[in-house]
Amino acid sequence: MRSERRPLSAETSEFARARVSAELDLRVQQEHAARTVAGHAHDVDDLRGLLDMLGLEAGARV
C-alpha cells in the first residue's frame, strides 16, 4: 500500500508552527543556562562537568 501525501490542515500546520516555536524557545533557554553556568564555573573542567550534568552544550547558537 502506498501512502499518499495530503495537504496540511489548518490544525496540522498550526501544530507544526507551535512545535518549531517551542524548539526555538528551548534553544534560547539552553543558551542562557549555558551562559549562566559559564559565569559561575571555576575553570574549564568545572564548566564542562556542569554542562554535561545539565545536558547542555557549550557554544550552542540559536
C-alpha atoms as a PDB file:
ATOM      1  CA  MET A   1       0.000   0.000   0.000  1.00  0.00           C
ATOM      2  CA  ARG A   2       1.334   3.367  -0.962  1.00  0.00           C
ATOM      3  CA  SER A   3       0.972   6.316   1.372  1.00  0.00           C
ATOM      4  CA  GLU A   4      -0.289   9.481  -0.195  1.00  0.00           C
ATOM      5  CA  ARG A   5       0.802  12.929   0.805  1.00  0.00           C
ATOM      6  CA  ARG A   6      -2.096  15.041   1.839  1.00  0.00           C
ATOM      7  CA  PRO A   7      -2.043  18.802   2.209  1.00  0.00           C
ATOM      8  CA  LEU A   8      -1.621  20.039   5.751  1.00  0.00           C
ATOM      9  CA  SER A   9      -4.788  21.006   7.511  1.00  0.00           C
ATOM     10  CA  ALA A  10      -5.014  24.239   9.473  1.00  0.00           C
ATOM     11  CA  GLU A  11      -4.675  22.254  12.714  1.00  0.00           C
ATOM     12  CA  THR A  12      -1.629  20.362  11.477  1.00  0.00           C
ATOM     13  CA  SER A  13       0.161  23.463  10.248  1.00  0.00           C
ATOM     14  CA  GLU A  14      -0.677  25.298  13.497  1.00  0.00           C
ATOM     15  CA  PHE A  15       0.784  22.380  15.447  1.00  0.00           C
ATOM     16  CA  ALA A  16       3.918  22.422  13.277  1.00  0.00           C
ATOM     17  CA  ARG A  17       4.374  26.170  13.870  1.00  0.00           C
ATOM     18  CA  ALA A  18       3.880  25.709  17.617  1.00  0.00           C
ATOM     19  CA  ARG A  19       6.419  22.894  17.676  1.00  0.00           C
ATOM     20  CA  VAL A  20       9.043  24.949  15.823  1.00  0.00           C
ATOM     21  CA  SER A  21       8.395  27.867  18.160  1.00  0.00           C
ATOM     22  CA  ALA A  22       8.785  25.630  21.229  1.00  0.00           C
ATOM     23  CA  GLU A  23      12.049  24.192  19.878  1.00  0.00           C
ATOM     24  CA  LEU A  24      13.447  27.691  19.287  1.00  0.00           C
ATOM     25  CA  ASP A  25      12.390  28.768  22.783  1.00  0.00           C
ATOM     26  CA  LEU A  26      14.110  25.713  24.252  1.00  0.00           C
ATOM     27  CA  ARG A  27      17.346  26.519  22.409  1.00  0.00           C
ATOM     28  CA  VAL A  28      17.272  30.092  23.705  1.00  0.00           C
ATOM     29  CA  GLN A  29      16.710  28.867  27.271  1.00  0.00           C
ATOM     30  CA  GLN A  30      19.544  26.364  26.940  1.00  0.00           C
ATOM     31  CA  GLU A  31      21.903  29.052  25.642  1.00  0.00           C
ATOM     32  CA  HIS A  32      21.025  31.325  28.573  1.00  0.00           C
ATOM     33  CA  ALA A  33      21.524  28.449  31.002  1.00  0.00           C
ATOM     34  CA  ALA A  34      24.915  27.600  29.487  1.00  0.00           C
ATOM     35  CA  ARG A  35      25.997  31.243  29.805  1.00  0.00           C
ATOM     36  CA  THR A  36      24.873  31.351  33.420  1.00  0.00           C
ATOM     37  CA  VAL A  37      26.787  28.159  34.195  1.00  0.00           C
ATOM     38  CA  ALA A  38      29.858  29.543  32.417  1.00  0.00           C
ATOM     39  CA  GLY A  39      29.701  32.662  34.564  1.00  0.00           C
ATOM     40  CA  HIS A  40      29.798  30.587  37.751  1.00  0.00           C
ATOM     41  CA  ALA A  41      32.251  27.850  36.750  1.00  0.00           C
ATOM     42  CA  HIS A  42      35.653  27.852  38.444  1.00  0.00           C
ATOM     43  CA  ASP A  43      37.595  26.636  35.418  1.00  0.00           C
ATOM     44  CA  VAL A  44      37.182  24.874  32.078  1.00  0.00           C
ATOM     45  CA  ASP A  45      36.950  21.405  33.614  1.00  0.00           C
ATOM     46  CA  ASP A  46      34.302  22.627  36.061  1.00  0.00           C
ATOM     47  CA  LEU A  47      32.373  24.199  33.176  1.00  0.00           C
ATOM     48  CA  ARG A  48      32.492  21.023  31.099  1.00  0.00           C
ATOM     49  CA  GLY A  49      31.363  18.902  34.034  1.00  0.00           C
ATOM     50  CA  LEU A  50      28.478  21.204  34.907  1.00  0.00           C
ATOM     51  CA  LEU A  51      27.301  21.485  31.316  1.00  0.00           C
ATOM     52  CA  ASP A  52      27.471  17.712  30.945  1.00  0.00           C
ATOM     53  CA  MET A  53      25.475  17.163  34.146  1.00  0.00           C
ATOM     54  CA  LEU A  54      22.813  19.565  32.906  1.00  0.00           C
ATOM     55  CA  GLY A  55      22.734  18.143  29.387  1.00  0.00           C
ATOM     56  CA  LEU A  56      23.827  21.456  27.864  1.00  0.00           C
ATOM     57  CA  GLU A  57      26.361  22.235  25.167  1.00  0.00           C
ATOM     58  CA  ALA A  58      28.983  24.943  25.262  1.00  0.00           C
ATOM     59  CA  GLY A  59      28.792  27.479  22.453  1.00  0.00           C
ATOM     60  CA  ALA A  60      25.394  26.373  21.164  1.00  0.00           C
ATOM     61  CA  ARG A  61      23.892  29.007  18.874  1.00  0.00           C
ATOM     62  CA  VAL A  62      20.266  29.703  18.150  1.00  0.00           C
END
